[in-house]
PDB file of N, CA and C in Angstrom:
ATOM      1  N   UNK A   1     123.930  97.852  90.240  1.00  0.00           N
ATOM      2  CA  UNK A   1     122.637  97.524  90.813  1.00  0.00           C
ATOM      3  C   UNK A   1     122.164  98.605  91.777  1.00  0.00           C
ATOM      4  N   UNK A   2     123.038  99.087  92.643  1.00  0.00           N
ATOM      5  CA  UNK A   2     122.638 100.060  93.631  1.00  0.00           C
ATOM      6  C   UNK A   2     122.975 101.494  93.257  1.00  0.00           C
ATOM      7  N   UNK A   3     123.284 101.759  92.019  1.00  0.00           N
ATOM      8  CA  UNK A   3     123.659 103.098  91.590  1.00  0.00           C
ATOM      9  C   UNK A   3     122.473 104.051  91.765  1.00  0.00           C
ATOM     10  N   UNK A   4     122.729 105.273  92.238  1.00  0.00           N
ATOM     11  CA  UNK A   4     121.628 106.227  92.453  1.00  0.00           C
ATOM     12  C   UNK A   4     120.784 106.483  91.213  1.00  0.00           C
ATOM     13  N   UNK A   5     121.383 106.431  90.050  1.00  0.00           N
ATOM     14  CA  UNK A   5     120.621 106.656  88.821  1.00  0.00           C
ATOM     15  C   UNK A   5     119.538 105.589  88.650  1.00  0.00           C
ATOM     16  N   UNK A   6     119.847 104.364  89.053  1.00  0.00           N
ATOM     17  CA  UNK A   6     118.860 103.279  88.969  1.00  0.00           C
ATOM     18  C   UNK A   6     117.703 103.557  89.921  1.00  0.00           C
ATOM     19  N   UNK A   7     118.024 103.996  91.132  1.00  0.00           N
ATOM     20  CA  UNK A   7     116.976 104.316  92.108  1.00  0.00           C
ATOM     21  C   UNK A   7     116.090 105.447  91.599  1.00  0.00           C
ATOM     22  N   UNK A   8     116.697 106.460  91.018  1.00  0.00           N
ATOM     23  CA  UNK A   8     115.921 107.577  90.458  1.00  0.00           C
ATOM     24  C   UNK A   8     115.028 107.108  89.316  1.00  0.00           C
ATOM     25  N   UNK A   9     115.537 106.193  88.498  1.00  0.00           N
ATOM     26  CA  UNK A   9     114.739 105.666  87.392  1.00  0.00           C
ATOM     27  C   UNK A   9     113.528 104.896  87.913  1.00  0.00           C
ATOM     28  N   UNK A  10     113.749 104.061  88.930  1.00  0.00           N
ATOM     29  CA  UNK A  10     112.631 103.324  89.533  1.00  0.00           C
ATOM     30  C   UNK A  10     111.601 104.294  90.102  1.00  0.00           C
ATOM     31  N   UNK A  11     112.066 105.326  90.786  1.00  0.00           N
ATOM     32  CA  UNK A  11     111.163 106.301  91.396  1.00  0.00           C
ATOM     33  C   UNK A  11     110.344 107.028  90.327  1.00  0.00           C
ATOM     34  N   UNK A  12     111.009 107.502  89.290  1.00  0.00           N
ATOM     35  CA  UNK A  12     110.308 108.213  88.223  1.00  0.00           C
ATOM     36  C   UNK A  12     109.293 107.342  87.508  1.00  0.00           C
ATOM     37  N   UNK A  13     109.698 106.111  87.209  1.00  0.00           N
ATOM     38  CA  UNK A  13     108.789 105.195  86.528  1.00  0.00           C
ATOM     39  C   UNK A  13     107.611 104.847  87.444  1.00  0.00           C
ATOM     40  N   UNK A  14     107.898 104.589  88.705  1.00  0.00           N
ATOM     41  CA  UNK A  14     106.828 104.261  89.646  1.00  0.00           C
ATOM     42  C   UNK A  14     105.830 105.383  89.799  1.00  0.00           C
ATOM     43  N   UNK A  15     106.325 106.601  89.887  1.00  0.00           N
ATOM     44  CA  UNK A  15     105.424 107.758  90.002  1.00  0.00           C
ATOM     45  C   UNK A  15     104.560 107.914  88.762  1.00  0.00           C
ATOM     46  N   UNK A  16     105.173 107.736  87.609  1.00  0.00           N
ATOM     47  CA  UNK A  16     104.430 107.862  86.355  1.00  0.00           C
ATOM     48  C   UNK A  16     103.355 106.788  86.252  1.00  0.00           C
ATOM     49  N   UNK A  17     103.720 105.556  86.570  1.00  0.00           N
ATOM     50  CA  UNK A  17     102.744 104.473  86.515  1.00  0.00           C
ATOM     51  C   UNK A  17     101.612 104.702  87.515  1.00  0.00           C
ATOM     52  N   UNK A  18     101.950 105.217  88.681  1.00  0.00           N
ATOM     53  CA  UNK A  18     100.927 105.525  89.675  1.00  0.00           C
ATOM     54  C   UNK A  18      99.991 106.614  89.160  1.00  0.00           C
ATOM     55  N   UNK A  19     100.555 107.649  88.554  1.00  0.00           N
ATOM     56  CA  UNK A  19      99.738 108.722  87.985  1.00  0.00           C
ATOM     57  C   UNK A  19      98.793 108.197  86.903  1.00  0.00           C
ATOM     58  N   UNK A  20      99.235 107.160  86.202  1.00  0.00           N
ATOM     59  CA  UNK A  20      98.417 106.536  85.160  1.00  0.00           C
ATOM     60  C   UNK A  20      97.439 105.512  85.738  1.00  0.00           C
ATOM     61  N   UNK A  21      97.439 105.391  87.068  1.00  0.00           N
ATOM     62  CA  UNK A  21      96.575 104.451  87.790  1.00  0.00           C
ATOM     63  C   UNK A  21      96.908 103.002  87.474  1.00  0.00           C
ATOM     64  N   UNK A  22      98.148 102.763  87.103  1.00  0.00           N
ATOM     65  CA  UNK A  22      98.641 101.404  86.881  1.00  0.00           C
ATOM     66  C   UNK A  22      99.347 100.964  88.169  1.00  0.00           C
ATOM     67  N   UNK A  23      98.548 100.799  89.215  1.00  0.00           N
ATOM     68  CA  UNK A  23      99.061 100.588  90.553  1.00  0.00           C
ATOM     69  C   UNK A  23      99.876  99.299  90.693  1.00  0.00           C
ATOM     70  N   UNK A  24      99.413  98.235  90.071  1.00  0.00           N
ATOM     71  CA  UNK A  24     100.123  96.959  90.160  1.00  0.00           C
ATOM     72  C   UNK A  24     101.517  97.064  89.547  1.00  0.00           C
ATOM     73  N   UNK A  25     101.660  97.852  88.503  1.00  0.00           N
ATOM     74  CA  UNK A  25     102.961  98.053  87.866  1.00  0.00           C
ATOM     75  C   UNK A  25     103.818  99.042  88.642  1.00  0.00           C
ATOM     76  N   UNK A  26     103.179 100.024  89.266  1.00  0.00           N
ATOM     77  CA  UNK A  26     103.906 101.060  89.996  1.00  0.00           C
ATOM     78  C   UNK A  26     104.519 100.536  91.292  1.00  0.00           C
ATOM     79  N   UNK A  27     103.809  99.651  91.964  1.00  0.00           N
ATOM     80  CA  UNK A  27     104.246  99.183  93.285  1.00  0.00           C
ATOM     81  C   UNK A  27     105.672  98.633  93.298  1.00  0.00           C
ATOM     82  N   UNK A  28     106.036  97.677  92.436  1.00  0.00           N
ATOM     83  CA  UNK A  28     107.407  97.147  92.508  1.00  0.00           C
ATOM     84  C   UNK A  28     108.476  98.191  92.172  1.00  0.00           C
ATOM     85  N   UNK A  29     108.134  99.138  91.315  1.00  0.00           N
ATOM     86  CA  UNK A  29     109.099 100.187  90.974  1.00  0.00           C
ATOM     87  C   UNK A  29     109.373 101.081  92.182  1.00  0.00           C
ATOM     88  N   UNK A  30     108.307 101.481  92.872  1.00  0.00           N
ATOM     89  CA  UNK A  30     108.475 102.348  94.038  1.00  0.00           C
ATOM     90  C   UNK A  30     109.138 101.608  95.188  1.00  0.00           C
ATOM     91  N   UNK A  31     108.813 100.339  95.356  1.00  0.00           N
ATOM     92  CA  UNK A  31     109.473  99.551  96.405  1.00  0.00           C
ATOM     93  C   UNK A  31     110.966  99.406  96.111  1.00  0.00           C
ATOM     94  N   UNK A  32     111.315  99.199  94.848  1.00  0.00           N
ATOM     95  CA  UNK A  32     112.724  99.089  94.471  1.00  0.00           C
ATOM     96  C   UNK A  32     113.448 100.399  94.744  1.00  0.00           C
ATOM     97  N   UNK A  33     112.826 101.518  94.396  1.00  0.00           N
ATOM     98  CA  UNK A  33     113.439 102.825  94.655  1.00  0.00           C
ATOM     99  C   UNK A  33     113.652 103.019  96.150  1.00  0.00           C
ATOM    100  N   UNK A  34     112.640 102.709  96.947  1.00  0.00           N
ATOM    101  CA  UNK A  34     112.747 102.875  98.394  1.00  0.00           C
ATOM    102  C   UNK A  34     113.890 102.040  98.951  1.00  0.00           C
ATOM    103  N   UNK A  35     113.987 100.814  98.521  1.00  0.00           N
ATOM    104  CA  UNK A  35     115.042  99.924  99.010  1.00  0.00           C
ATOM    105  C   UNK A  35     116.424 100.429  98.616  1.00  0.00           C
ATOM    106  N   UNK A  36     116.567 100.880  97.383  1.00  0.00           N
ATOM    107  CA  UNK A  36     117.869 101.362  96.922  1.00  0.00           C
ATOM    108  C   UNK A  36     118.279 102.638  97.647  1.00  0.00           C
ATOM    109  N   UNK A  37     117.346 103.571  97.825  1.00  0.00           N
ATOM    110  CA  UNK A  37     117.673 104.796  98.551  1.00  0.00           C
ATOM    111  C   UNK A  37     117.980 104.499 100.017  1.00  0.00           C
ATOM    112  N   UNK A  38     117.242 103.570 100.625  1.00  0.00           N
ATOM    113  CA  UNK A  38     117.492 103.202 102.021  1.00  0.00           C
ATOM    114  C   UNK A  38     118.879 102.590 102.174  1.00  0.00           C
ATOM    115  N   UNK A  39     119.270 101.749 101.227  1.00  0.00           N
ATOM    116  CA  UNK A  39     120.570 101.094 101.286  1.00  0.00           C
ATOM    117  C   UNK A  39     121.709 102.083 101.072  1.00  0.00           C
ATOM    118  N   UNK A  40     121.452 103.128 100.299  1.00  0.00           N
ATOM    119  CA  UNK A  40     122.493 104.114 100.006  1.00  0.00           C
ATOM    120  C   UNK A  40     122.810 104.963 101.231  1.00  0.00           C
ATOM    121  N   UNK A  41     121.788 105.217 102.072  1.00  0.00           N
ATOM    122  CA  UNK A  41     121.990 105.994 103.299  1.00  0.00           C
ATOM    123  C   UNK A  41     122.473 107.406 103.025  1.00  0.00           C
ATOM    124  N   UNK A  42     122.960 108.028 104.067  1.00  0.00           N
ATOM    125  CA  UNK A  42     123.571 109.353 104.013  1.00  0.00           C
ATOM    126  C   UNK A  42     122.900 110.367 103.125  1.00  0.00           C
ATOM    127  N   UNK A  43     123.561 110.707 102.030  1.00  0.00           N
ATOM    128  CA  UNK A  43     123.109 111.752 101.134  1.00  0.00           C
ATOM    129  C   UNK A  43     121.831 111.441 100.383  1.00  0.00           C
ATOM    130  N   UNK A  44     121.336 110.219 100.504  1.00  0.00           N
ATOM    131  CA  UNK A  44     120.111 109.844  99.810  1.00  0.00           C
ATOM    132  C   UNK A  44     118.875 109.977 100.685  1.00  0.00           C
ATOM    133  N   UNK A  45     119.008 110.557 101.862  1.00  0.00           N
ATOM    134  CA  UNK A  45     117.886 110.646 102.806  1.00  0.00           C
ATOM    135  C   UNK A  45     116.701 111.403 102.208  1.00  0.00           C
ATOM    136  N   UNK A  46     116.957 112.475 101.500  1.00  0.00           N
ATOM    137  CA  UNK A  46     115.870 113.256 100.902  1.00  0.00           C
ATOM    138  C   UNK A  46     115.138 112.439  99.846  1.00  0.00           C
ATOM    139  N   UNK A  47     115.871 111.714  99.033  1.00  0.00           N
ATOM    140  CA  UNK A  47     115.244 110.905  97.995  1.00  0.00           C
ATOM    141  C   UNK A  47     114.544 109.690  98.602  1.00  0.00           C
ATOM    142  N   UNK A  48     115.110 109.170  99.681  1.00  0.00           N
ATOM    143  CA  UNK A  48     114.451 108.066 100.378  1.00  0.00           C
ATOM    144  C   UNK A  48     113.095 108.544 100.902  1.00  0.00           C
ATOM    145  N   UNK A  49     113.064 109.734 101.478  1.00  0.00           N
ATOM    146  CA  UNK A  49     111.804 110.310 101.968  1.00  0.00           C
ATOM    147  C   UNK A  49     110.814 110.490 100.817  1.00  0.00           C
ATOM    148  N   UNK A  50     111.309 110.871  99.650  1.00  0.00           N
ATOM    149  CA  UNK A  50     110.438 111.039  98.482  1.00  0.00           C
ATOM    150  C   UNK A  50     109.853 109.697  98.045  1.00  0.00           C
ATOM    151  N   UNK A  51     110.651 108.647  98.123  1.00  0.00           N
ATOM    152  CA  UNK A  51     110.160 107.316  97.761  1.00  0.00           C
ATOM    153  C   UNK A  51     109.097 106.848  98.750  1.00  0.00           C
ATOM    154  N   UNK A  52     109.324 107.106 100.036  1.00  0.00           N
ATOM    155  CA  UNK A  52     108.337 106.745 101.059  1.00  0.00           C
ATOM    156  C   UNK A  52     107.036 107.500 100.819  1.00  0.00           C
ATOM    157  N   UNK A  53     107.138 108.783 100.533  1.00  0.00           N
ATOM    158  CA  UNK A  53     105.953 109.603 100.230  1.00  0.00           C
ATOM    159  C   UNK A  53     105.218 109.055  99.009  1.00  0.00           C
ATOM    160  N   UNK A  54     105.960 108.660  97.999  1.00  0.00           N
ATOM    161  CA  UNK A  54     105.347 108.126  96.782  1.00  0.00           C
ATOM    162  C   UNK A  54     104.625 106.812  97.061  1.00  0.00           C
ATOM    163  N   UNK A  55     105.184 105.988  97.929  1.00  0.00           N
ATOM    164  CA  UNK A  55     104.517 104.737  98.299  1.00  0.00           C
ATOM    165  C   UNK A  55     103.225 105.016  99.069  1.00  0.00           C
ATOM    166  N   UNK A  56     103.275 105.944  99.993  1.00  0.00           N
ATOM    167  CA  UNK A  56     102.061 106.296 100.739  1.00  0.00           C
ATOM    168  C   UNK A  56     100.984 106.818  99.790  1.00  0.00           C
ATOM    169  N   UNK A  57     101.379 107.641  98.853  1.00  0.00           N
ATOM    170  CA  UNK A  57     100.437 108.189  97.882  1.00  0.00           C
ATOM    171  C   UNK A  57      99.882 107.106  96.963  1.00  0.00           C
ATOM    172  N   UNK A  58     100.747 106.192  96.554  1.00  0.00           N
ATOM    173  CA  UNK A  58     100.314 105.079  95.705  1.00  0.00           C
ATOM    174  C   UNK A  58      99.212 104.294  96.393  1.00  0.00           C
ATOM    175  N   UNK A  59      99.464 103.892  97.644  1.00  0.00           N
ATOM    176  CA  UNK A  59      98.480 103.065  98.336  1.00  0.00           C
ATOM    177  C   UNK A  59      97.192 103.828  98.630  1.00  0.00           C
ATOM    178  N   UNK A  60      97.292 105.125  98.882  1.00  0.00           N
ATOM    179  CA  UNK A  60      96.087 105.933  99.101  1.00  0.00           C
ATOM    180  C   UNK A  60      95.247 105.998  97.821  1.00  0.00           C
ATOM    181  N   UNK A  61      95.899 106.229  96.691  1.00  0.00           N
ATOM    182  CA  UNK A  61      95.183 106.288  95.415  1.00  0.00           C
ATOM    183  C   UNK A  61      94.614 104.920  95.046  1.00  0.00           C
ATOM    184  N   UNK A  62      95.375 103.876  95.332  1.00  0.00           N
ATOM    185  CA  UNK A  62      94.935 102.512  95.038  1.00  0.00           C
ATOM    186  C   UNK A  62      93.704 102.174  95.878  1.00  0.00           C
ATOM    187  N   UNK A  63      93.736 102.602  97.133  1.00  0.00           N
ATOM    188  CA  UNK A  63      92.577 102.381  98.005  1.00  0.00           C
ATOM    189  C   UNK A  63      91.346 103.111  97.461  1.00  0.00           C
ATOM    190  N   UNK A  64      91.532 104.333  97.003  1.00  0.00           N
ATOM    191  CA  UNK A  64      90.412 105.098  96.454  1.00  0.00           C
ATOM    192  C   UNK A  64      89.818 104.393  95.236  1.00  0.00           C
ATOM    193  N   UNK A  65      90.673 103.761  94.444  1.00  0.00           N
ATOM    194  CA  UNK A  65      90.217 103.072  93.236  1.00  0.00           C
ATOM    195  C   UNK A  65      89.641 101.691  93.537  1.00  0.00           C
ATOM    196  N   UNK A  66      90.188 101.029  94.564  1.00  0.00           N
ATOM    197  CA  UNK A  66      89.772  99.664  94.902  1.00  0.00           C
ATOM    198  C   UNK A  66      89.610  99.528  96.417  1.00  0.00           C
ATOM    199  N   UNK A  67      88.568 100.135  96.984  1.00  0.00           N
ATOM    200  CA  UNK A  67      88.374 100.045  98.435  1.00  0.00           C
ATOM    201  C   UNK A  67      88.214  98.600  98.894  1.00  0.00           C
ATOM    202  N   UNK A  68      88.648  98.356 100.123  1.00  0.00           N
ATOM    203  CA  UNK A  68      88.469  97.039 100.715  1.00  0.00           C
ATOM    204  C   UNK A  68      89.509  96.008 100.327  1.00  0.00           C
ATOM    205  N   UNK A  69      90.563  96.432  99.658  1.00  0.00           N
ATOM    206  CA  UNK A  69      91.602  95.496  99.227  1.00  0.00           C
ATOM    207  C   UNK A  69      92.850  95.551 100.111  1.00  0.00           C
ATOM    208  N   UNK A  70      92.797  96.328 101.193  1.00  0.00           N
ATOM    209  CA  UNK A  70      93.928  96.404 102.117  1.00  0.00           C
ATOM    210  C   UNK A  70      94.916  97.508 101.815  1.00  0.00           C
ATOM    211  N   UNK A  71      94.656  98.289 100.793  1.00  0.00           N
ATOM    212  CA  UNK A  71      95.602  99.341 100.425  1.00  0.00           C
ATOM    213  C   UNK A  71      95.565 100.513 101.402  1.00  0.00           C
ATOM    214  N   UNK A  72      94.417 100.724 102.040  1.00  0.00           N
ATOM    215  CA  UNK A  72      94.304 101.796 103.028  1.00  0.00           C
ATOM    216  C   UNK A  72      95.259 101.548 104.199  1.00  0.00           C
ATOM    217  N   UNK A  73      95.362 100.300 104.623  1.00  0.00           N
ATOM    218  CA  UNK A  73      96.270  99.957 105.722  1.00  0.00           C
ATOM    219  C   UNK A  73      97.727 100.184 105.315  1.00  0.00           C
ATOM    220  N   UNK A  74      98.066  99.797 104.099  1.00  0.00           N
ATOM    221  CA  UNK A  74      99.433 100.015 103.622  1.00  0.00           C
ATOM    222  C   UNK A  74      99.750 101.499 103.546  1.00  0.00           C
ATOM    223  N   UNK A  75      98.790 102.288 103.075  1.00  0.00           N
ATOM    224  CA  UNK A  75      98.986 103.747 103.008  1.00  0.00           C
ATOM    225  C   UNK A  75      99.230 104.295 104.402  1.00  0.00           C
ATOM    226  N   UNK A  76      98.433 103.848 105.372  1.00  0.00           N
ATOM    227  CA  UNK A  76      98.580 104.329 106.748  1.00  0.00           C
ATOM    228  C   UNK A  76      99.936 103.945 107.333  1.00  0.00           C
ATOM    229  N   UNK A  77     100.406 102.742 107.036  1.00  0.00           N
ATOM    230  CA  UNK A  77     101.712 102.297 107.540  1.00  0.00           C
ATOM    231  C   UNK A  77     102.844 103.165 106.982  1.00  0.00           C
ATOM    232  N   UNK A  78     102.791 103.448 105.686  1.00  0.00           N
ATOM    233  CA  UNK A  78     103.837 104.265 105.075  1.00  0.00           C
ATOM    234  C   UNK A  78     103.748 105.710 105.548  1.00  0.00           C
ATOM    235  N   UNK A  79     102.531 106.226 105.731  1.00  0.00           N
ATOM    236  CA  UNK A  79     102.363 107.595 106.240  1.00  0.00           C
ATOM    237  C   UNK A  79     102.901 107.703 107.663  1.00  0.00           C
ATOM    238  N   UNK A  80     102.652 106.691 108.493  1.00  0.00           N
ATOM    239  CA  UNK A  80     103.150 106.709 109.867  1.00  0.00           C
ATOM    240  C   UNK A  80     104.673 106.685 109.888  1.00  0.00           C
ATOM    241  N   UNK A  81     105.260 105.890 109.036  1.00  0.00           N
ATOM    242  CA  UNK A  81     106.723 105.813 108.966  1.00  0.00           C
ATOM    243  C   UNK A  81     107.297 107.113 108.425  1.00  0.00           C
ATOM    244  N   UNK A  82     106.574 107.699 107.501  1.00  0.00           N
ATOM    245  CA  UNK A  82     106.994 108.988 106.950  1.00  0.00           C
ATOM    246  C   UNK A  82     106.957 110.048 108.046  1.00  0.00           C
ATOM    247  N   UNK A  83     105.877 110.099 108.799  1.00  0.00           N
ATOM    248  CA  UNK A  83     105.718 111.098 109.860  1.00  0.00           C
ATOM    249  C   UNK A  83     106.747 110.906 110.967  1.00  0.00           C
ATOM    250  N   UNK A  84     107.101 109.661 111.224  1.00  0.00           N
ATOM    251  CA  UNK A  84     108.076 109.367 112.271  1.00  0.00           C
ATOM    252  C   UNK A  84     109.504 109.571 111.785  1.00  0.00           C
ATOM    253  N   UNK A  85     109.662 109.781 110.488  1.00  0.00           N
ATOM    254  CA  UNK A  85     111.003 109.949 109.939  1.00  0.00           C
ATOM    255  C   UNK A  85     111.789 108.660 109.902  1.00  0.00           C
ATOM    256  N   UNK A  86     111.080 107.537 109.913  1.00  0.00           N
ATOM    257  CA  UNK A  86     111.734 106.233 109.917  1.00  0.00           C
ATOM    258  C   UNK A  86     111.874 105.706 108.505  1.00  0.00           C
ATOM    259  N   UNK A  87     112.849 104.873 108.319  1.00  0.00           N
ATOM    260  CA  UNK A  87     113.050 104.209 107.038  1.00  0.00           C
ATOM    261  C   UNK A  87     112.302 102.888 107.072  1.00  0.00           C
ATOM    262  N   UNK A  88     111.185 102.773 106.346  1.00  0.00           N
ATOM    263  CA  UNK A  88     110.426 101.526 106.365  1.00  0.00           C
ATOM    264  C   UNK A  88     111.157 100.414 105.634  1.00  0.00           C
ATOM    265  N   UNK A  89     110.884  99.223 106.027  1.00  0.00           N
ATOM    266  CA  UNK A  89     111.403  98.067 105.295  1.00  0.00           C
ATOM    267  C   UNK A  89     110.234  97.420 104.594  1.00  0.00           C
ATOM    268  N   UNK A  90     110.505  96.635 103.579  1.00  0.00           N
ATOM    269  CA  UNK A  90     109.425  95.999 102.856  1.00  0.00           C
ATOM    270  C   UNK A  90     108.714  94.994 103.736  1.00  0.00           C
ATOM    271  N   UNK A  91     109.327  94.534 104.809  1.00  0.00           N
ATOM    272  CA  UNK A  91     108.648  93.640 105.727  1.00  0.00           C
ATOM    273  C   UNK A  91     107.427  94.312 106.339  1.00  0.00           C
ATOM    274  N   UNK A  92     107.490  95.619 106.552  1.00  0.00           N
ATOM    275  CA  UNK A  92     106.386  96.349 107.133  1.00  0.00           C
ATOM    276  C   UNK A  92     105.168  96.412 106.217  1.00  0.00           C
ATOM    277  N   UNK A  93     105.373  96.217 104.952  1.00  0.00           N
ATOM    278  CA  UNK A  93     104.284  96.297 103.994  1.00  0.00           C
ATOM    279  C   UNK A  93     103.316  95.128 104.188  1.00  0.00           C
ATOM    280  N   UNK A  94     103.853  93.990 104.528  1.00  0.00           N
ATOM    281  CA  UNK A  94     103.030  92.790 104.677  1.00  0.00           C
ATOM    282  C   UNK A  94     102.629  92.546 106.126  1.00  0.00           C
ATOM    283  N   UNK A  95     102.550  93.594 106.888  1.00  0.00           N
ATOM    284  CA  UNK A  95     102.141  93.457 108.270  1.00  0.00           C
ATOM    285  C   UNK A  95     103.216  92.861 109.152  1.00  0.00           C
ATOM    286  N   UNK A  96     104.488  93.038 108.768  1.00  0.00           N
ATOM    287  CA  UNK A  96     105.591  92.557 109.580  1.00  0.00           C
ATOM    288  C   UNK A  96     105.956  91.110 109.353  1.00  0.00           C
ATOM    289  N   UNK A  97     105.449  90.520 108.288  1.00  0.00           N
ATOM    290  CA  UNK A  97     105.739  89.118 108.011  1.00  0.00           C
ATOM    291  C   UNK A  97     106.882  88.994 107.054  1.00  0.00           C
TER     292      UNK A  97
END
């Protein structure tokens, strides 16, 4: 379940789906990758950062396609966590709930 290859697969699929503007399908893949890389710790820090970047990009693109749906806020949250070098949790996605 937590094997790095699985995390890489989620990340690759999520990025591809995001590039295809299939945002609803991309989101769970990128969230899964982020969670798996975060749980792996240590040597996965670079890939965890890549997953965080991909989530920020996903929400920014989603906002551009569907303004007013709250995706801009999610993009800003992930960008802030990325800039701070923090590992976001999925709780942060829903406004801390």
